[in-house]
N, C-alpha and C. Protein backbone atom coordinates (compact mmCIF):
# COMPACT_ATOMS: atom_id res chain seq x y z
N MET A 1 107.82 66.17 123.60
CA MET A 1 107.01 66.87 124.58
C MET A 1 106.82 68.32 124.13
N ALA A 2 105.61 68.78 124.16
CA ALA A 2 105.28 70.14 123.74
C ALA A 2 105.72 71.14 124.80
N GLU A 3 106.12 72.34 124.33
CA GLU A 3 106.49 73.40 125.27
C GLU A 3 105.23 73.93 125.96
N PRO A 4 105.36 74.39 127.22
CA PRO A 4 104.18 74.93 127.91
C PRO A 4 103.71 76.21 127.24
N SER A 5 102.42 76.43 127.25
CA SER A 5 101.85 77.65 126.67
C SER A 5 101.53 78.62 127.79
N TYR A 6 101.91 79.88 127.61
CA TYR A 6 101.63 80.91 128.60
C TYR A 6 100.38 81.70 128.24
N LEU A 7 99.76 81.35 127.13
CA LEU A 7 98.54 82.01 126.68
C LEU A 7 97.38 81.03 126.73
N THR A 8 96.22 81.56 127.00
CA THR A 8 95.02 80.72 126.89
C THR A 8 94.76 80.50 125.40
N PRO A 9 93.96 79.52 125.03
CA PRO A 9 93.64 79.33 123.61
C PRO A 9 93.03 80.60 122.98
N GLU A 10 92.22 81.32 123.73
CA GLU A 10 91.61 82.55 123.21
C GLU A 10 92.67 83.63 123.00
N GLU A 11 93.61 83.77 123.95
CA GLU A 11 94.68 84.77 123.81
C GLU A 11 95.58 84.43 122.63
N ARG A 12 95.87 83.17 122.47
CA ARG A 12 96.72 82.75 121.34
C ARG A 12 96.03 83.03 120.01
N ALA A 13 94.74 82.74 119.92
CA ALA A 13 93.99 83.00 118.69
C ALA A 13 93.99 84.50 118.37
N GLU A 14 93.82 85.34 119.38
CA GLU A 14 93.85 86.79 119.18
C GLU A 14 95.24 87.24 118.73
N TRP A 15 96.29 86.72 119.35
CA TRP A 15 97.66 87.06 118.98
C TRP A 15 97.93 86.68 117.52
N GLU A 16 97.48 85.50 117.11
CA GLU A 16 97.67 85.06 115.73
C GLU A 16 96.88 85.95 114.76
N ARG A 17 95.68 86.37 115.15
CA ARG A 17 94.87 87.24 114.30
C ARG A 17 95.55 88.60 114.10
N VAL A 18 96.07 89.17 115.17
CA VAL A 18 96.75 90.47 115.10
C VAL A 18 98.02 90.36 114.25
N LEU A 19 98.76 89.30 114.43
CA LEU A 19 99.99 89.10 113.66
C LEU A 19 99.68 88.94 112.17
N GLU A 20 98.64 88.21 111.84
CA GLU A 20 98.23 88.04 110.45
C GLU A 20 97.83 89.37 109.84
N ALA A 21 97.11 90.20 110.59
CA ALA A 21 96.72 91.53 110.09
C ALA A 21 97.95 92.38 109.85
N ALA A 22 98.92 92.33 110.73
CA ALA A 22 100.16 93.10 110.55
C ALA A 22 100.90 92.63 109.30
N ASN A 23 100.92 91.34 109.06
CA ASN A 23 101.57 90.81 107.86
C ASN A 23 100.89 91.30 106.59
N ARG A 24 99.57 91.45 106.62
CA ARG A 24 98.83 91.88 105.43
C ARG A 24 98.96 93.36 105.15
N THR A 25 99.18 94.19 106.15
CA THR A 25 99.07 95.63 105.94
C THR A 25 100.37 96.40 106.11
N ASN A 26 101.44 95.78 106.49
CA ASN A 26 102.69 96.49 106.73
C ASN A 26 103.87 95.75 106.11
N ILE A 27 104.05 95.92 104.81
CA ILE A 27 105.12 95.25 104.09
C ILE A 27 106.19 96.28 103.72
N PHE A 28 107.42 96.08 104.22
CA PHE A 28 108.55 96.93 103.87
C PHE A 28 109.07 96.45 102.52
N CYS A 29 109.15 97.34 101.55
CA CYS A 29 109.60 97.01 100.20
C CYS A 29 110.91 97.74 99.90
N HIS A 30 111.85 97.04 99.31
CA HIS A 30 113.15 97.60 98.93
C HIS A 30 113.46 97.19 97.50
N CYS A 31 113.66 98.19 96.64
CA CYS A 31 113.98 97.91 95.23
C CYS A 31 115.46 97.58 95.11
N ARG A 32 115.74 96.42 94.56
CA ARG A 32 117.13 96.00 94.37
C ARG A 32 117.80 96.76 93.23
N SER A 33 117.00 97.37 92.34
CA SER A 33 117.56 98.08 91.20
C SER A 33 117.98 99.52 91.53
N CYS A 34 117.08 100.29 92.17
CA CYS A 34 117.38 101.71 92.42
C CYS A 34 117.54 102.05 93.90
N GLY A 35 117.21 101.10 94.80
CA GLY A 35 117.39 101.33 96.23
C GLY A 35 116.21 102.02 96.92
N HIS A 36 115.16 102.34 96.17
CA HIS A 36 113.99 103.00 96.75
C HIS A 36 113.36 102.08 97.80
N GLU A 37 112.88 102.68 98.92
CA GLU A 37 112.24 101.92 99.98
C GLU A 37 110.90 102.53 100.32
N TRP A 38 109.89 101.68 100.63
CA TRP A 38 108.57 102.15 101.00
C TRP A 38 107.84 101.07 101.76
N VAL A 39 106.73 101.45 102.39
CA VAL A 39 105.87 100.50 103.10
C VAL A 39 104.55 100.43 102.34
N ALA A 40 104.06 99.23 102.11
CA ALA A 40 102.82 99.03 101.36
C ALA A 40 102.00 97.91 101.99
N SER A 41 100.80 97.75 101.50
CA SER A 41 99.93 96.68 101.99
C SER A 41 100.23 95.35 101.30
N GLU A 42 100.96 95.40 100.22
CA GLU A 42 101.34 94.18 99.50
C GLU A 42 102.58 94.48 98.68
N PRO A 43 103.36 93.46 98.34
CA PRO A 43 104.53 93.70 97.48
C PRO A 43 104.09 94.37 96.18
N GLN A 44 104.87 95.33 95.71
CA GLN A 44 104.53 96.10 94.51
C GLN A 44 105.72 96.23 93.58
N VAL A 45 105.46 96.64 92.36
CA VAL A 45 106.50 97.02 91.42
C VAL A 45 107.02 98.39 91.87
N CYS A 46 108.32 98.62 91.78
CA CYS A 46 108.91 99.90 92.18
C CYS A 46 108.48 101.01 91.23
N GLU A 47 108.56 102.24 91.72
CA GLU A 47 108.22 103.40 90.87
C GLU A 47 109.18 103.53 89.69
N CYS A 48 110.38 102.91 89.77
CA CYS A 48 111.32 102.93 88.64
C CYS A 48 110.94 101.89 87.59
N GLY A 49 109.95 101.03 87.92
CA GLY A 49 109.49 100.00 87.00
C GLY A 49 110.07 98.62 87.26
N SER A 50 111.03 98.54 88.17
CA SER A 50 111.66 97.26 88.46
C SER A 50 110.72 96.34 89.23
N ARG A 51 110.78 95.06 88.88
CA ARG A 51 110.03 94.04 89.61
C ARG A 51 110.95 93.32 90.61
N SER A 52 112.21 93.72 90.67
CA SER A 52 113.16 93.12 91.60
C SER A 52 113.04 93.84 92.95
N VAL A 53 111.98 93.49 93.66
CA VAL A 53 111.66 94.16 94.93
C VAL A 53 111.67 93.12 96.05
N GLN A 54 112.43 93.42 97.11
CA GLN A 54 112.44 92.59 98.30
C GLN A 54 111.30 93.05 99.20
N ALA A 55 110.49 92.14 99.70
CA ALA A 55 109.35 92.47 100.56
C ALA A 55 109.47 91.72 101.88
N ILE A 56 109.45 92.46 102.99
CA ILE A 56 109.62 91.88 104.32
C ILE A 56 108.54 92.44 105.24
N ALA A 57 107.91 91.59 106.03
CA ALA A 57 106.91 92.06 106.98
C ALA A 57 107.57 93.01 107.99
N CYS A 58 106.97 94.19 108.20
CA CYS A 58 107.55 95.21 109.08
C CYS A 58 107.70 94.75 110.52
N TRP A 59 106.84 93.85 111.00
CA TRP A 59 106.93 93.44 112.39
C TRP A 59 108.25 92.75 112.69
N GLN A 60 108.99 92.39 111.67
CA GLN A 60 110.28 91.73 111.89
C GLN A 60 111.39 92.71 112.28
N PHE A 61 111.10 94.02 112.21
CA PHE A 61 112.09 95.04 112.55
C PHE A 61 111.81 95.59 113.94
N PRO A 62 112.85 95.83 114.75
CA PRO A 62 112.61 96.45 116.06
C PRO A 62 112.16 97.90 115.92
N ASP A 63 111.44 98.39 116.93
CA ASP A 63 110.93 99.75 116.90
C ASP A 63 111.98 100.80 117.25
N ASP A 64 113.05 100.42 117.89
CA ASP A 64 114.05 101.42 118.29
C ASP A 64 115.21 101.53 117.37
């Protein structure tokens, strides 16, 4: 049995669109080699040249 939805189909589509946009434009990057951290629109090579970079969508972090 499916869980009840509290959003209309239009509200859910808008919520998914906003979440997808946040995933594309707010990526927290952490270099495993030197510890440098930054936010980018996509995973990147670190300024130290390391490709060992952890990339996590920023929306996964609380604001407080």
